[in-house]
Amino acid sequence: MKFLKPVGFYTFSFFLGIFYSPTVLASAPLVEISHLVIKSSEDTLQVDLKIDSAFTPEMKADVLIGVPVRFAFSISLYVVNDFWFDRKAVGITVVHELRYEAIKRVYKIIRSRGIMRPAYIEDFDTARRLISEINDLEVISLSHLKKGEHYQLMVGTGLSVRKYTFFNLFREVKNDHYTINFIY
């Protein structure tokens, strides 16, 4: 009888792994960078960034019942050394959050950088576009960069959906990092 308990547990775990994994991967929305521009102003290095995200109908339904959706952008700038480890010059994380306020019937957008006060939008497509783009994000001052030096910009994106209302647990989808090498 003691032998049946481990066999049942392992069998259950095996079938859970087979049937649960493909459904999770199939339902995972894609977060891909469609527009990435590095530019410089008079005194700073700036980044423009847009992502294409596939908002599934389930995600839109979750937003309409009050579940927040977060986009996280991680931007890192490295000084490339040819025969040694690269040195990280700066690392920035930007988080945009989308919530629906049912009483006011508006979408609330909260950003961690730039315009700090919440924006209220009535149209879902406009709200989705606003949380999926960053304009003129200051990465580093040009005085910290050296002429002729080799640099690498790494950008990563992530999407998280809060599935449990009373707990602070998010379902996260992270994608690969995109890298751009340039010489200043």
N, C-alpha and C. Protein backbone atom coordinates (compact mmCIF):
# COMPACT_ATOMS: atom_id res chain seq x y z
N MET A 1 0.81 -1.20 0.00
CA MET A 1 0.00 0.00 0.00
C MET A 1 0.85 1.26 0.00
N LYS A 2 2.00 1.20 0.68
CA LYS A 2 2.89 2.35 0.71
C LYS A 2 3.49 2.63 -0.66
N PHE A 3 3.58 1.61 -1.50
CA PHE A 3 4.14 1.76 -2.83
C PHE A 3 3.20 2.56 -3.75
N LEU A 4 1.90 2.47 -3.56
CA LEU A 4 0.92 3.10 -4.44
C LEU A 4 0.91 4.62 -4.32
N LYS A 5 1.21 5.16 -3.14
CA LYS A 5 1.20 6.61 -2.97
C LYS A 5 2.24 7.31 -3.84
N PRO A 6 3.52 6.88 -3.83
CA PRO A 6 4.50 7.55 -4.70
C PRO A 6 4.19 7.35 -6.18
N VAL A 7 3.70 6.17 -6.56
CA VAL A 7 3.39 5.92 -7.97
C VAL A 7 2.25 6.83 -8.42
N GLY A 8 1.25 7.00 -7.60
CA GLY A 8 0.13 7.89 -7.94
C GLY A 8 0.58 9.34 -8.03
N PHE A 9 1.44 9.75 -7.14
CA PHE A 9 1.96 11.12 -7.17
C PHE A 9 2.77 11.37 -8.43
N TYR A 10 3.66 10.42 -8.76
CA TYR A 10 4.49 10.59 -9.96
C TYR A 10 3.64 10.53 -11.24
N THR A 11 2.65 9.70 -11.27
CA THR A 11 1.76 9.62 -12.44
C THR A 11 0.99 10.92 -12.60
N PHE A 12 0.45 11.43 -11.49
CA PHE A 12 -0.28 12.70 -11.53
C PHE A 12 0.64 13.83 -12.00
N SER A 13 1.87 13.88 -11.47
CA SER A 13 2.82 14.92 -11.86
C SER A 13 3.19 14.81 -13.33
N PHE A 14 3.35 13.60 -13.81
CA PHE A 14 3.69 13.39 -15.23
C PHE A 14 2.58 13.92 -16.14
N PHE A 15 1.33 13.56 -15.85
CA PHE A 15 0.23 14.01 -16.70
C PHE A 15 -0.02 15.51 -16.57
N LEU A 16 0.19 16.04 -15.38
CA LEU A 16 0.07 17.49 -15.20
C LEU A 16 1.11 18.22 -16.04
N GLY A 17 2.34 17.71 -16.05
CA GLY A 17 3.39 18.31 -16.85
C GLY A 17 3.14 18.22 -18.34
N ILE A 18 2.57 17.13 -18.79
CA ILE A 18 2.29 16.96 -20.22
C ILE A 18 1.15 17.86 -20.67
N PHE A 19 0.06 17.88 -19.93
CA PHE A 19 -1.12 18.60 -20.39
C PHE A 19 -1.13 20.07 -20.00
N TYR A 20 -0.49 20.44 -18.91
CA TYR A 20 -0.52 21.83 -18.46
C TYR A 20 0.46 22.70 -19.24
N SER A 21 1.66 22.21 -19.50
CA SER A 21 2.70 23.02 -20.14
C SER A 21 2.32 23.52 -21.53
N PRO A 22 1.82 22.68 -22.45
CA PRO A 22 1.46 23.22 -23.77
C PRO A 22 0.32 24.22 -23.72
N THR A 23 -0.63 24.04 -22.81
CA THR A 23 -1.73 25.00 -22.76
C THR A 23 -1.26 26.34 -22.24
N VAL A 24 -0.33 26.35 -21.28
CA VAL A 24 0.20 27.61 -20.77
C VAL A 24 0.99 28.32 -21.85
N LEU A 25 1.84 27.57 -22.58
CA LEU A 25 2.64 28.18 -23.63
C LEU A 25 1.78 28.67 -24.78
N ALA A 26 0.72 27.96 -25.10
CA ALA A 26 -0.14 28.37 -26.21
C ALA A 26 -0.94 29.62 -25.88
N SER A 27 -1.29 29.78 -24.60
CA SER A 27 -2.10 30.93 -24.23
C SER A 27 -1.27 32.13 -23.83
N ALA A 28 0.06 32.01 -23.83
CA ALA A 28 0.92 33.11 -23.43
C ALA A 28 0.94 34.18 -24.51
N PRO A 29 0.62 35.41 -24.18
CA PRO A 29 0.66 36.47 -25.18
C PRO A 29 2.09 36.82 -25.55
N LEU A 30 2.26 37.33 -26.75
CA LEU A 30 3.59 37.70 -27.22
C LEU A 30 3.84 39.18 -26.94
N VAL A 31 5.04 39.48 -26.53
CA VAL A 31 5.46 40.85 -26.31
C VAL A 31 6.75 41.03 -27.11
N GLU A 32 6.66 41.72 -28.24
CA GLU A 32 7.81 41.89 -29.11
C GLU A 32 8.04 43.36 -29.38
N ILE A 33 9.31 43.74 -29.43
CA ILE A 33 9.66 45.12 -29.73
C ILE A 33 9.54 45.34 -31.23
N SER A 34 8.74 46.33 -31.61
CA SER A 34 8.55 46.62 -33.03
C SER A 34 9.29 47.89 -33.46
N HIS A 35 9.66 48.72 -32.51
CA HIS A 35 10.29 50.01 -32.84
C HIS A 35 11.26 50.35 -31.72
N LEU A 36 12.55 50.44 -32.05
CA LEU A 36 13.57 50.77 -31.07
C LEU A 36 14.54 51.74 -31.72
N VAL A 37 14.64 52.95 -31.16
CA VAL A 37 15.49 54.00 -31.71
C VAL A 37 16.37 54.55 -30.59
N ILE A 38 17.68 54.61 -30.87
CA ILE A 38 18.61 55.28 -29.97
C ILE A 38 18.93 56.63 -30.58
N LYS A 39 18.77 57.68 -29.80
CA LYS A 39 19.06 59.01 -30.31
C LYS A 39 19.71 59.83 -29.20
N SER A 40 20.27 60.95 -29.59
CA SER A 40 20.89 61.80 -28.58
C SER A 40 20.34 63.21 -28.71
N SER A 41 20.10 63.80 -27.56
CA SER A 41 19.72 65.22 -27.53
C SER A 41 21.00 66.00 -27.31
N GLU A 42 20.90 67.22 -26.86
CA GLU A 42 22.09 68.02 -26.63
C GLU A 42 22.99 67.44 -25.54
N ASP A 43 22.39 66.83 -24.51
CA ASP A 43 23.22 66.36 -23.40
C ASP A 43 22.89 64.96 -22.90
N THR A 44 21.93 64.24 -23.49
CA THR A 44 21.59 62.90 -23.01
C THR A 44 21.40 61.92 -24.17
N LEU A 45 21.62 60.64 -23.86
CA LEU A 45 21.31 59.56 -24.77
C LEU A 45 19.88 59.13 -24.47
N GLN A 46 19.03 59.05 -25.50
CA GLN A 46 17.62 58.76 -25.29
C GLN A 46 17.19 57.54 -26.10
N VAL A 47 16.10 56.92 -25.66
CA VAL A 47 15.56 55.74 -26.32
C VAL A 47 14.07 55.94 -26.57
N ASP A 48 13.63 55.60 -27.79
CA ASP A 48 12.21 55.48 -28.12
C ASP A 48 11.92 54.00 -28.31
N LEU A 49 10.79 53.55 -27.79
CA LEU A 49 10.51 52.12 -27.78
C LEU A 49 9.02 51.89 -27.92
N LYS A 50 8.64 50.98 -28.81
CA LYS A 50 7.25 50.54 -28.95
C LYS A 50 7.23 49.03 -29.01
N ILE A 51 6.23 48.45 -28.38
CA ILE A 51 6.10 47.00 -28.43
C ILE A 51 4.75 46.64 -29.04
N ASP A 52 4.74 45.52 -29.70
CA ASP A 52 3.49 44.93 -30.18
C ASP A 52 3.13 43.82 -29.22
N SER A 53 1.99 43.93 -28.64
CA SER A 53 1.55 42.90 -27.71
C SER A 53 0.20 42.38 -28.17
N ALA A 54 0.07 41.10 -28.13
CA ALA A 54 -1.18 40.47 -28.52
C ALA A 54 -2.06 40.38 -27.29
N PHE A 55 -2.97 41.32 -27.14
CA PHE A 55 -3.93 41.26 -26.05
C PHE A 55 -4.97 40.22 -26.43
N THR A 56 -4.95 39.13 -25.73
CA THR A 56 -5.92 38.08 -26.01
C THR A 56 -7.29 38.52 -25.50
N PRO A 57 -8.35 37.92 -26.02
CA PRO A 57 -9.69 38.27 -25.50
C PRO A 57 -9.83 38.00 -24.01
N GLU A 58 -9.12 36.98 -23.51
CA GLU A 58 -9.17 36.69 -22.07
C GLU A 58 -8.52 37.82 -21.27
N MET A 59 -7.43 38.38 -21.80
CA MET A 59 -6.76 39.48 -21.11
C MET A 59 -7.64 40.72 -21.10
N LYS A 60 -8.31 41.01 -22.22
CA LYS A 60 -9.20 42.16 -22.26
C LYS A 60 -10.36 41.97 -21.28
N ALA A 61 -10.88 40.76 -21.20
CA ALA A 61 -11.95 40.48 -20.24
C ALA A 61 -11.45 40.64 -18.81
N ASP A 62 -10.20 40.20 -18.55
CA ASP A 62 -9.62 40.37 -17.22
C ASP A 62 -9.47 41.85 -16.86
N VAL A 63 -9.04 42.66 -17.82
CA VAL A 63 -8.90 44.09 -17.56
C VAL A 63 -10.25 44.70 -17.25
N LEU A 64 -11.28 44.29 -17.96
CA LEU A 64 -12.61 44.86 -17.75
C LEU A 64 -13.21 44.51 -16.39
N ILE A 65 -12.74 43.43 -15.76
CA ILE A 65 -13.23 43.11 -14.42
C ILE A 65 -12.32 43.66 -13.33
N GLY A 66 -11.29 44.43 -13.73
CA GLY A 66 -10.46 45.11 -12.75
C GLY A 66 -9.09 44.52 -12.50
N VAL A 67 -8.68 43.53 -13.29
CA VAL A 67 -7.36 42.93 -13.12
C VAL A 67 -6.32 43.82 -13.80
N PRO A 68 -5.30 44.29 -13.09
CA PRO A 68 -4.31 45.16 -13.73
C PRO A 68 -3.34 44.37 -14.62
N VAL A 69 -2.90 45.03 -15.68
CA VAL A 69 -1.91 44.48 -16.61
C VAL A 69 -0.71 45.40 -16.57
N ARG A 70 0.49 44.82 -16.43
CA ARG A 70 1.72 45.61 -16.35
C ARG A 70 2.66 45.25 -17.49
N PHE A 71 3.25 46.28 -18.08
CA PHE A 71 4.36 46.09 -19.02
C PHE A 71 5.61 46.60 -18.31
N ALA A 72 6.65 45.79 -18.31
CA ALA A 72 7.92 46.19 -17.71
C ALA A 72 8.98 46.22 -18.81
N PHE A 73 9.71 47.31 -18.86
CA PHE A 73 10.79 47.49 -19.82
C PHE A 73 12.08 47.61 -19.03
N SER A 74 13.05 46.77 -19.33
CA SER A 74 14.35 46.89 -18.68
C SER A 74 15.37 47.29 -19.73
N ILE A 75 16.08 48.39 -19.46
CA ILE A 75 17.04 48.95 -20.40
C ILE A 75 18.38 49.04 -19.68
N SER A 76 19.40 48.44 -20.28
CA SER A 76 20.74 48.45 -19.70
C SER A 76 21.74 48.89 -20.76
N LEU A 77 22.71 49.68 -20.34
CA LEU A 77 23.77 50.13 -21.22
C LEU A 77 25.09 49.60 -20.68
N TYR A 78 25.85 48.93 -21.54
CA TYR A 78 27.12 48.33 -21.17
C TYR A 78 28.25 48.96 -21.96
N VAL A 79 29.40 49.09 -21.32
CA VAL A 79 30.63 49.46 -22.00
C VAL A 79 31.30 48.15 -22.40
N VAL A 80 31.52 47.94 -23.70
CA VAL A 80 32.05 46.68 -24.19
C VAL A 80 33.57 46.70 -24.12
N ASN A 81 34.12 45.70 -23.44
CA ASN A 81 35.56 45.49 -23.38
C ASN A 81 35.88 44.26 -24.22
N ASP A 82 36.82 44.38 -25.13
CA ASP A 82 37.08 43.29 -26.07
C ASP A 82 37.65 42.05 -25.40
N PHE A 83 38.54 42.19 -24.47
CA PHE A 83 39.20 41.03 -23.89
C PHE A 83 38.91 40.84 -22.41
N TRP A 84 37.82 41.41 -21.95
CA TRP A 84 37.46 41.31 -20.55
C TRP A 84 35.95 41.37 -20.44
N PHE A 85 35.41 41.32 -19.24
CA PHE A 85 33.97 41.38 -19.05
C PHE A 85 33.46 42.79 -19.35
N ASP A 86 32.24 42.86 -19.87
CA ASP A 86 31.63 44.17 -20.13
C ASP A 86 31.25 44.82 -18.80
N ARG A 87 31.26 46.13 -18.78
CA ARG A 87 30.94 46.89 -17.57
C ARG A 87 29.58 47.57 -17.77
N LYS A 88 28.71 47.38 -16.79
CA LYS A 88 27.39 47.99 -16.87
C LYS A 88 27.48 49.46 -16.49
N ALA A 89 27.05 50.33 -17.42
CA ALA A 89 27.09 51.77 -17.17
C ALA A 89 25.82 52.25 -16.48
N VAL A 90 24.68 51.72 -16.90
CA VAL A 90 23.41 52.16 -16.32
C VAL A 90 22.35 51.07 -16.57
N GLY A 91 21.41 50.98 -15.64
CA GLY A 91 20.29 50.06 -15.78
C GLY A 91 19.00 50.75 -15.35
N ILE A 92 17.97 50.69 -16.18
CA ILE A 92 16.71 51.37 -15.92
C ILE A 92 15.57 50.36 -16.09
N THR A 93 14.61 50.42 -15.20
CA THR A 93 13.39 49.64 -15.35
C THR A 93 12.20 50.59 -15.35
N VAL A 94 11.37 50.45 -16.36
CA VAL A 94 10.18 51.29 -16.51
C VAL A 94 8.96 50.36 -16.48
N VAL A 95 7.96 50.71 -15.68
CA VAL A 95 6.75 49.90 -15.56
C VAL A 95 5.54 50.75 -15.91
N HIS A 96 4.71 50.23 -16.82
CA HIS A 96 3.44 50.85 -17.17
C HIS A 96 2.33 49.89 -16.76
N GLU A 97 1.30 50.44 -16.13
CA GLU A 97 0.20 49.60 -15.65
C GLU A 97 -1.12 50.11 -16.21
N LEU A 98 -1.98 49.17 -16.59
CA LEU A 98 -3.31 49.47 -17.13
C LEU A 98 -4.35 48.84 -16.23
N ARG A 99 -5.30 49.65 -15.78
CA ARG A 99 -6.42 49.19 -14.96
C ARG A 99 -7.71 49.77 -15.52
N TYR A 100 -8.80 49.09 -15.25
CA TYR A 100 -10.10 49.61 -15.65
C TYR A 100 -10.87 49.98 -14.39
N GLU A 101 -11.37 51.21 -14.36
CA GLU A 101 -12.19 51.65 -13.25
C GLU A 101 -13.65 51.61 -13.70
N ALA A 102 -14.37 50.63 -13.20
CA ALA A 102 -15.72 50.36 -13.66
C ALA A 102 -16.70 51.47 -13.28
N ILE A 103 -16.48 52.13 -12.15
CA ILE A 103 -17.41 53.18 -11.73
C ILE A 103 -17.35 54.37 -12.68
N LYS A 104 -16.14 54.78 -13.05
CA LYS A 104 -15.98 55.91 -13.96
C LYS A 104 -16.02 55.51 -15.43
N ARG A 105 -15.90 54.19 -15.68
CA ARG A 105 -15.85 53.63 -17.04
C ARG A 105 -14.69 54.21 -17.86
N VAL A 106 -13.53 54.23 -17.24
CA VAL A 106 -12.31 54.70 -17.90
C VAL A 106 -11.17 53.74 -17.60
N TYR A 107 -10.17 53.76 -18.46
CA TYR A 107 -8.94 53.00 -18.26
C TYR A 107 -7.93 53.92 -17.60
N LYS A 108 -7.31 53.43 -16.55
CA LYS A 108 -6.33 54.21 -15.80
C LYS A 108 -4.93 53.70 -16.16
N ILE A 109 -4.06 54.62 -16.59
CA ILE A 109 -2.69 54.29 -16.96
C ILE A 109 -1.75 54.90 -15.93
N ILE A 110 -0.92 54.07 -15.34
CA ILE A 110 0.06 54.52 -14.35
C ILE A 110 1.44 54.21 -14.92
N ARG A 111 2.31 55.22 -14.94
CA ARG A 111 3.67 55.06 -15.46
C ARG A 111 4.67 55.35 -14.36
N SER A 112 5.78 54.60 -14.36
CA SER A 112 6.80 54.80 -13.34
C SER A 112 7.80 55.89 -13.71
N ARG A 113 7.83 56.30 -14.96
CA ARG A 113 8.74 57.37 -15.41
C ARG A 113 7.99 58.31 -16.33
N GLY A 114 8.52 59.51 -16.45
CA GLY A 114 7.87 60.49 -17.33
C GLY A 114 6.75 61.19 -16.60
N ILE A 115 5.57 61.17 -17.19
CA ILE A 115 4.39 61.79 -16.58
C ILE A 115 3.94 60.89 -15.42
N MET A 116 4.11 61.38 -14.20
CA MET A 116 3.88 60.55 -13.02
C MET A 116 2.41 60.46 -12.62
N ARG A 117 1.61 61.42 -12.98
CA ARG A 117 0.20 61.35 -12.57
C ARG A 117 -0.54 60.39 -13.51
N PRO A 118 -1.56 59.71 -13.00
CA PRO A 118 -2.29 58.76 -13.83
C PRO A 118 -3.03 59.45 -14.98
N ALA A 119 -3.13 58.75 -16.09
CA ALA A 119 -3.90 59.23 -17.23
C ALA A 119 -5.18 58.40 -17.31
N TYR A 120 -6.27 59.04 -17.67
CA TYR A 120 -7.55 58.37 -17.79
C TYR A 120 -8.00 58.43 -19.24
N ILE A 121 -8.23 57.26 -19.82
CA ILE A 121 -8.58 57.13 -21.23
C ILE A 121 -9.87 56.32 -21.32
N GLU A 122 -10.77 56.72 -22.23
CA GLU A 122 -12.04 56.01 -22.37
C GLU A 122 -11.98 54.88 -23.40
N ASP A 123 -11.03 54.94 -24.34
CA ASP A 123 -10.95 53.95 -25.41
C ASP A 123 -9.88 52.90 -25.08
N PHE A 124 -10.21 51.62 -25.23
CA PHE A 124 -9.27 50.55 -24.89
C PHE A 124 -8.07 50.54 -25.83
N ASP A 125 -8.28 50.72 -27.12
CA ASP A 125 -7.17 50.68 -28.07
C ASP A 125 -6.16 51.80 -27.81
N THR A 126 -6.65 52.98 -27.48
CA THR A 126 -5.75 54.10 -27.16
C THR A 126 -4.99 53.81 -25.87
N ALA A 127 -5.65 53.26 -24.88
CA ALA A 127 -4.98 52.93 -23.61
C ALA A 127 -3.94 51.84 -23.83
N ARG A 128 -4.25 50.85 -24.64
CA ARG A 128 -3.29 49.78 -24.93
C ARG A 128 -2.07 50.34 -25.66
N ARG A 129 -2.27 51.26 -26.57
CA ARG A 129 -1.15 51.88 -27.30
C ARG A 129 -0.28 52.71 -26.36
N LEU A 130 -0.91 53.44 -25.44
CA LEU A 130 -0.15 54.30 -24.53
C LEU A 130 0.72 53.54 -23.54
N ILE A 131 0.27 52.38 -23.09
CA ILE A 131 1.10 51.64 -22.14
C ILE A 131 2.19 50.84 -22.84
N SER A 132 2.11 50.71 -24.15
CA SER A 132 3.09 49.89 -24.85
C SER A 132 4.15 50.71 -25.58
N GLU A 133 4.31 51.98 -25.21
CA GLU A 133 5.35 52.79 -25.85
C GLU A 133 6.04 53.69 -24.84
N ILE A 134 7.30 53.97 -25.14
CA ILE A 134 8.11 54.91 -24.35
C ILE A 134 8.71 55.89 -25.33
N ASN A 135 8.61 57.17 -25.02
CA ASN A 135 9.18 58.20 -25.88
C ASN A 135 10.17 59.04 -25.09
N ASP A 136 11.33 59.30 -25.68
CA ASP A 136 12.36 60.19 -25.13
C ASP A 136 12.78 59.82 -23.71
N LEU A 137 13.03 58.54 -23.47
CA LEU A 137 13.52 58.10 -22.17
C LEU A 137 15.02 58.39 -22.08
N GLU A 138 15.40 59.17 -21.10
CA GLU A 138 16.81 59.53 -20.91
C GLU A 138 17.53 58.37 -20.24
N VAL A 139 18.53 57.82 -20.95
CA VAL A 139 19.27 56.67 -20.45
C VAL A 139 20.49 57.10 -19.66
N ILE A 140 21.33 57.97 -20.26
CA ILE A 140 22.56 58.39 -19.61
C ILE A 140 22.98 59.75 -20.17
N SER A 141 23.70 60.51 -19.38
CA SER A 141 24.22 61.79 -19.83
C SER A 141 25.38 61.54 -20.80
N LEU A 142 25.46 62.34 -21.85
CA LEU A 142 26.52 62.17 -22.84
C LEU A 142 27.90 62.47 -22.26
N SER A 143 27.96 63.19 -21.16
CA SER A 143 29.25 63.47 -20.54
C SER A 143 29.87 62.21 -19.92
N HIS A 144 29.05 61.16 -19.67
CA HIS A 144 29.56 59.90 -19.13
C HIS A 144 30.05 58.96 -20.23
N LEU A 145 29.82 59.30 -21.50
CA LEU A 145 30.25 58.47 -22.61
C LEU A 145 31.54 59.02 -23.21
N LYS A 146 32.39 58.13 -23.71
CA LYS A 146 33.65 58.54 -24.33
C LYS A 146 33.55 58.37 -25.84
N LYS A 147 34.09 59.33 -26.57
CA LYS A 147 34.10 59.26 -28.03
C LYS A 147 34.93 58.06 -28.48
N GLY A 148 34.40 57.33 -29.47
CA GLY A 148 35.10 56.18 -30.03
C GLY A 148 34.97 54.91 -29.21
N GLU A 149 34.25 54.95 -28.10
CA GLU A 149 34.08 53.79 -27.23
C GLU A 149 32.94 52.91 -27.76
N HIS A 150 33.06 51.60 -27.57
CA HIS A 150 32.06 50.62 -28.02
C HIS A 150 31.06 50.38 -26.89
N TYR A 151 29.75 50.53 -27.20
CA TYR A 151 28.68 50.36 -26.20
C TYR A 151 27.66 49.34 -26.71
N GLN A 152 26.92 48.79 -25.76
CA GLN A 152 25.87 47.84 -26.09
C GLN A 152 24.63 48.18 -25.26
N LEU A 153 23.51 48.35 -25.96
CA LEU A 153 22.24 48.64 -25.30
C LEU A 153 21.40 47.37 -25.32
N MET A 154 20.96 46.92 -24.15
CA MET A 154 20.11 45.73 -24.05
C MET A 154 18.73 46.16 -23.56
N VAL A 155 17.70 45.71 -24.27
CA VAL A 155 16.32 46.04 -23.91
C VAL A 155 15.54 44.74 -23.75
N GLY A 156 14.90 44.60 -22.62
CA GLY A 156 14.05 43.45 -22.37
C GLY A 156 12.64 43.91 -22.05
N THR A 157 11.67 43.09 -22.40
CA THR A 157 10.27 43.42 -22.15
C THR A 157 9.63 42.30 -21.36
N GLY A 158 8.59 42.67 -20.66
CA GLY A 158 7.84 41.67 -19.91
C GLY A 158 6.41 42.12 -19.72
N LEU A 159 5.52 41.17 -19.62
CA LEU A 159 4.11 41.42 -19.40
C LEU A 159 3.70 40.62 -18.18
N SER A 160 2.97 41.24 -17.27
CA SER A 160 2.47 40.51 -16.12
C SER A 160 1.01 40.88 -15.89
N VAL A 161 0.24 39.86 -15.57
CA VAL A 161 -1.18 40.01 -15.32
C VAL A 161 -1.44 39.51 -13.90
N ARG A 162 -2.08 40.32 -13.08
CA ARG A 162 -2.38 39.93 -11.70
C ARG A 162 -3.64 39.07 -11.72
N LYS A 163 -3.46 37.81 -11.41
CA LYS A 163 -4.56 36.85 -11.50
C LYS A 163 -5.36 36.71 -10.21
N TYR A 164 -4.74 37.01 -9.08
CA TYR A 164 -5.42 36.83 -7.81
C TYR A 164 -5.62 38.19 -7.16
N THR A 165 -6.86 38.54 -6.94
CA THR A 165 -7.20 39.87 -6.47
C THR A 165 -6.66 40.17 -5.08
N PHE A 166 -6.73 39.22 -4.18
CA PHE A 166 -6.36 39.48 -2.80
C PHE A 166 -4.89 39.25 -2.51
N PHE A 167 -4.19 38.66 -3.44
CA PHE A 167 -2.76 38.42 -3.28
C PHE A 167 -2.02 39.19 -4.35
N ASN A 168 -0.80 39.53 -4.09
CA ASN A 168 0.01 40.29 -5.03
C ASN A 168 0.80 39.32 -5.92
N LEU A 169 0.11 38.38 -6.57
CA LEU A 169 0.74 37.39 -7.44
C LEU A 169 0.44 37.73 -8.89
N PHE A 170 1.47 37.81 -9.70
CA PHE A 170 1.33 38.14 -11.11
C PHE A 170 1.79 36.96 -11.96
N ARG A 171 1.10 36.78 -13.09
CA ARG A 171 1.55 35.82 -14.10
C ARG A 171 2.41 36.60 -15.08
N GLU A 172 3.67 36.22 -15.20
CA GLU A 172 4.61 37.00 -15.99
C GLU A 172 4.98 36.28 -17.27
N VAL A 173 5.12 37.07 -18.34
CA VAL A 173 5.61 36.57 -19.62
C VAL A 173 6.79 37.45 -19.98
N LYS A 174 7.98 36.86 -20.05
CA LYS A 174 9.18 37.62 -20.40
C LYS A 174 9.67 37.15 -21.76
N ASN A 175 10.21 38.06 -22.51
CA ASN A 175 10.77 37.74 -23.81
C ASN A 175 12.27 37.96 -23.81
N ASP A 176 12.88 37.62 -24.92
CA ASP A 176 14.33 37.76 -25.04
C ASP A 176 14.74 39.22 -24.97
N HIS A 177 16.01 39.40 -24.67
CA HIS A 177 16.58 40.74 -24.68
C HIS A 177 17.02 41.06 -26.11
N TYR A 178 16.78 42.29 -26.48
CA TYR A 178 17.26 42.78 -27.77
C TYR A 178 18.49 43.63 -27.52
N THR A 179 19.51 43.44 -28.34
CA THR A 179 20.75 44.18 -28.14
C THR A 179 21.09 44.99 -29.38
N ILE A 180 21.64 46.16 -29.13
CA ILE A 180 22.13 47.03 -30.20
C ILE A 180 23.54 47.45 -29.81
N ASN A 181 24.48 47.20 -30.71
CA ASN A 181 25.86 47.64 -30.51
C ASN A 181 26.08 48.92 -31.28
N PHE A 182 26.78 49.86 -30.64
CA PHE A 182 27.07 51.12 -31.33
C PHE A 182 28.37 51.71 -30.78
N ILE A 183 28.95 52.57 -31.57
CA ILE A 183 30.15 53.31 -31.16
C ILE A 183 29.77 54.76 -31.07
N TYR A 184 30.09 55.37 -29.93
CA TYR A 184 29.72 56.77 -29.72
C TYR A 184 30.78 57.67 -30.30
